[in-house]
Amino acid sequence: MAVIASSSIQQALYTTEVVTTFDHNFWSLAEGKVVPHGIYDLQYNRGYLNLGISKDTSEFACESIKLWWVNYGKFIYPQADSILIKCDGGGSNNSNHHFKSDLQKLVDEAPNRN
């Protein structure tokens, strides 16, 4: 089943039929853009996908991690006092100063569990 949606008109197409799409991004043909950021939970073999409409930035990557924790992580790992994050090092979560700085801000805003 495919789901195709346009946020500008708030409609979706649910179909089991073949839908023809482009295999590359052509900005000249776009009405907007969606930026995905995925998180995979090895323990539960589940993926979480956050879709944004701005840019693939380190702030967006860190916000995705925060949303995963707030909406899922703290419920399925209620005893956790830390989490291990392994990043692929490309795009928004590359090993630059911005990602490290934004990740530290995320850590600093977490409640102290001592």
C-alpha atoms as a PDB file:
ATOM      1  CA  MET A   1       0.000   0.000   0.000  1.00  0.00           C
ATOM      2  CA  ALA A   2       1.318   3.450  -0.859  1.00  0.00           C
ATOM      3  CA  VAL A   3       0.444   6.673   0.933  1.00  0.00           C
ATOM      4  CA  ILE A   4       0.941   9.925  -0.900  1.00  0.00           C
ATOM      5  CA  ALA A   5       0.034  13.168   0.828  1.00  0.00           C
ATOM      6  CA  SER A   6       0.292  16.867   0.178  1.00  0.00           C
ATOM      7  CA  SER A   7       0.496  19.044   3.267  1.00  0.00           C
ATOM      8  CA  SER A   8      -0.752  22.075   1.348  1.00  0.00           C
ATOM      9  CA  ILE A   9      -4.176  20.557   0.654  1.00  0.00           C
ATOM     10  CA  GLN A  10      -4.367  18.143   3.616  1.00  0.00           C
ATOM     11  CA  GLN A  11      -5.454  15.185   1.512  1.00  0.00           C
ATOM     12  CA  ALA A  12      -3.984  11.732   1.116  1.00  0.00           C
ATOM     13  CA  LEU A  13      -4.182   9.026  -1.506  1.00  0.00           C
ATOM     14  CA  TYR A  14      -4.359   5.451  -0.229  1.00  0.00           C
ATOM     15  CA  THR A  15      -3.935   2.942  -3.004  1.00  0.00           C
ATOM     16  CA  THR A  16      -2.847  -0.572  -3.821  1.00  0.00           C
ATOM     17  CA  GLU A  17      -2.351   0.490  -7.445  1.00  0.00           C
ATOM     18  CA  VAL A  18       0.972   1.490  -8.955  1.00  0.00           C
ATOM     19  CA  VAL A  19       1.730   5.203  -8.618  1.00  0.00           C
ATOM     20  CA  THR A  20       4.247   6.658 -11.056  1.00  0.00           C
ATOM     21  CA  THR A  21       6.756   9.015  -9.425  1.00  0.00           C
ATOM     22  CA  PHE A  22      10.126  10.531 -10.260  1.00  0.00           C
ATOM     23  CA  ASP A  23      13.175   8.643  -9.023  1.00  0.00           C
ATOM     24  CA  HIS A  24      15.130  11.845  -8.326  1.00  0.00           C
ATOM     25  CA  ASN A  25      14.378  15.163  -6.691  1.00  0.00           C
ATOM     26  CA  PHE A  26      13.695  17.851  -9.250  1.00  0.00           C
ATOM     27  CA  TRP A  27      13.250  21.104  -7.296  1.00  0.00           C
ATOM     28  CA  SER A  28      11.870  22.822 -10.374  1.00  0.00           C
ATOM     29  CA  LEU A  29       8.893  20.421 -10.300  1.00  0.00           C
ATOM     30  CA  ALA A  30       8.358  20.542  -6.542  1.00  0.00           C
ATOM     31  CA  GLU A  31       5.599  22.328  -4.666  1.00  0.00           C
ATOM     32  CA  GLY A  32       7.496  21.873  -1.412  1.00  0.00           C
ATOM     33  CA  LYS A  33       9.924  19.517   0.230  1.00  0.00           C
ATOM     34  CA  VAL A  34      10.038  16.996   3.025  1.00  0.00           C
ATOM     35  CA  VAL A  35      13.164  16.276   5.015  1.00  0.00           C
ATOM     36  CA  PRO A  36      13.210  12.847   6.695  1.00  0.00           C
ATOM     37  CA  HIS A  37      15.199  11.943   9.795  1.00  0.00           C
ATOM     38  CA  GLY A  38      15.101   8.340  10.917  1.00  0.00           C
ATOM     39  CA  ILE A  39      15.871   6.654  14.216  1.00  0.00           C
ATOM     40  CA  TYR A  40      16.197   2.884  14.494  1.00  0.00           C
ATOM     41  CA  ASP A  41      15.739   1.092  17.818  1.00  0.00           C
ATOM     42  CA  LEU A  42      17.863  -2.074  17.741  1.00  0.00           C
ATOM     43  CA  GLN A  43      16.335  -3.499  20.916  1.00  0.00           C
ATOM     44  CA  TYR A  44      12.760  -3.483  19.572  1.00  0.00           C
ATOM     45  CA  ASN A  45      13.615  -3.660  15.850  1.00  0.00           C
ATOM     46  CA  ARG A  46      11.532  -0.558  15.128  1.00  0.00           C
ATOM     47  CA  GLY A  47      12.147   2.519  13.071  1.00  0.00           C
ATOM     48  CA  TYR A  48      10.859   6.019  13.811  1.00  0.00           C
ATOM     49  CA  LEU A  49      10.662   8.619  11.085  1.00  0.00           C
ATOM     50  CA  ASN A  50      10.297  12.337  11.669  1.00  0.00           C
ATOM     51  CA  LEU A  51       9.373  14.412   8.617  1.00  0.00           C
ATOM     52  CA  GLY A  52      10.240  18.085   8.551  1.00  0.00           C
ATOM     53  CA  ILE A  53       9.638  20.816   6.015  1.00  0.00           C
ATOM     54  CA  SER A  54      12.685  23.007   6.625  1.00  0.00           C
ATOM     55  CA  LYS A  55      16.278  21.862   6.133  1.00  0.00           C
ATOM     56  CA  ASP A  56      18.404  18.892   7.144  1.00  0.00           C
ATOM     57  CA  THR A  57      20.146  20.664  10.012  1.00  0.00           C
ATOM     58  CA  SER A  58      21.753  19.518  13.221  1.00  0.00           C
ATOM     59  CA  GLU A  59      18.912  21.211  15.138  1.00  0.00           C
ATOM     60  CA  PHE A  60      16.402  19.082  13.210  1.00  0.00           C
ATOM     61  CA  ALA A  61      18.365  15.896  13.927  1.00  0.00           C
ATOM     62  CA  CYS A  62      18.479  16.707  17.648  1.00  0.00           C
ATOM     63  CA  GLU A  63      14.788  17.637  17.694  1.00  0.00           C
ATOM     64  CA  SER A  64      14.040  14.244  16.102  1.00  0.00           C
ATOM     65  CA  ILE A  65      15.956  12.506  18.885  1.00  0.00           C
ATOM     66  CA  LYS A  66      14.056  14.543  21.474  1.00  0.00           C
ATOM     67  CA  LEU A  67      10.688  13.731  19.858  1.00  0.00           C
ATOM     68  CA  TRP A  68      11.570  10.035  19.793  1.00  0.00           C
ATOM     69  CA  TRP A  69      12.408  10.139  23.507  1.00  0.00           C
ATOM     70  CA  VAL A  70       9.305  12.136  24.510  1.00  0.00           C
ATOM     71  CA  ASN A  71       6.868  10.081  22.415  1.00  0.00           C
ATOM     72  CA  TYR A  72       8.360   6.575  22.626  1.00  0.00           C
ATOM     73  CA  GLY A  73      11.689   6.136  24.391  1.00  0.00           C
ATOM     74  CA  LYS A  74      10.717   7.162  27.890  1.00  0.00           C
ATOM     75  CA  PHE A  75       7.735   4.780  27.782  1.00  0.00           C
ATOM     76  CA  ILE A  76       9.514   1.705  26.432  1.00  0.00           C
ATOM     77  CA  TYR A  77      12.676   2.345  28.489  1.00  0.00           C
ATOM     78  CA  PRO A  78      11.251   3.737  31.755  1.00  0.00           C
ATOM     79  CA  GLN A  79      14.339   2.832  33.822  1.00  0.00           C
ATOM     80  CA  ALA A  80      16.848   4.389  31.411  1.00  0.00           C
ATOM     81  CA  ASP A  81      19.094   7.111  32.761  1.00  0.00           C
ATOM     82  CA  SER A  82      21.059   7.384  29.516  1.00  0.00           C
ATOM     83  CA  ILE A  83      20.810   6.343  25.875  1.00  0.00           C
ATOM     84  CA  LEU A  84      23.444   5.397  23.311  1.00  0.00           C
ATOM     85  CA  ILE A  85      23.125   7.240  19.997  1.00  0.00           C
ATOM     86  CA  LYS A  86      25.152   6.042  17.019  1.00  0.00           C
ATOM     87  CA  CYS A  87      25.027   8.385  14.042  1.00  0.00           C
ATOM     88  CA  ASP A  88      25.995   7.650  10.460  1.00  0.00           C
ATOM     89  CA  GLY A  89      28.007  10.865  10.252  1.00  0.00           C
ATOM     90  CA  GLY A  90      26.390  12.235   7.094  1.00  0.00           C
ATOM     91  CA  GLY A  91      24.015  15.099   6.461  1.00  0.00           C
ATOM     92  CA  SER A  92      22.683  16.860   9.543  1.00  0.00           C
ATOM     93  CA  ASN A  93      24.430  14.611  12.020  1.00  0.00           C
ATOM     94  CA  ASN A  94      27.931  14.758  10.580  1.00  0.00           C
ATOM     95  CA  SER A  95      30.763  15.136  13.036  1.00  0.00           C
ATOM     96  CA  ASN A  96      30.938  18.904  12.910  1.00  0.00           C
ATOM     97  CA  HIS A  97      30.855  21.393  15.737  1.00  0.00           C
ATOM     98  CA  HIS A  98      27.186  22.308  15.154  1.00  0.00           C
ATOM     99  CA  PHE A  99      25.869  18.773  15.695  1.00  0.00           C
ATOM    100  CA  LYS A 100      28.032  18.242  18.767  1.00  0.00           C
ATOM    101  CA  SER A 101      26.927  21.583  20.179  1.00  0.00           C
ATOM    102  CA  ASP A 102      23.221  20.956  19.475  1.00  0.00           C
ATOM    103  CA  LEU A 103      23.460  17.458  20.949  1.00  0.00           C
ATOM    104  CA  GLN A 104      25.038  18.907  24.102  1.00  0.00           C
ATOM    105  CA  LYS A 105      22.158  21.413  24.364  1.00  0.00           C
ATOM    106  CA  LEU A 106      19.727  18.485  24.184  1.00  0.00           C
ATOM    107  CA  VAL A 107      21.603  16.712  26.992  1.00  0.00           C
ATOM    108  CA  ASP A 108      21.706  19.898  29.086  1.00  0.00           C
ATOM    109  CA  GLU A 109      17.926  20.383  28.906  1.00  0.00           C
ATOM    110  CA  ALA A 110      17.207  16.821  30.055  1.00  0.00           C
ATOM    111  CA  PRO A 111      16.085  16.526  33.675  1.00  0.00           C
ATOM    112  CA  ASN A 112      18.771  15.446  36.131  1.00  0.00           C
ATOM    113  CA  ARG A 113      18.003  11.909  37.346  1.00  0.00           C
ATOM    114  CA  ASN A 114      20.458  11.781  40.275  1.00  0.00           C
END
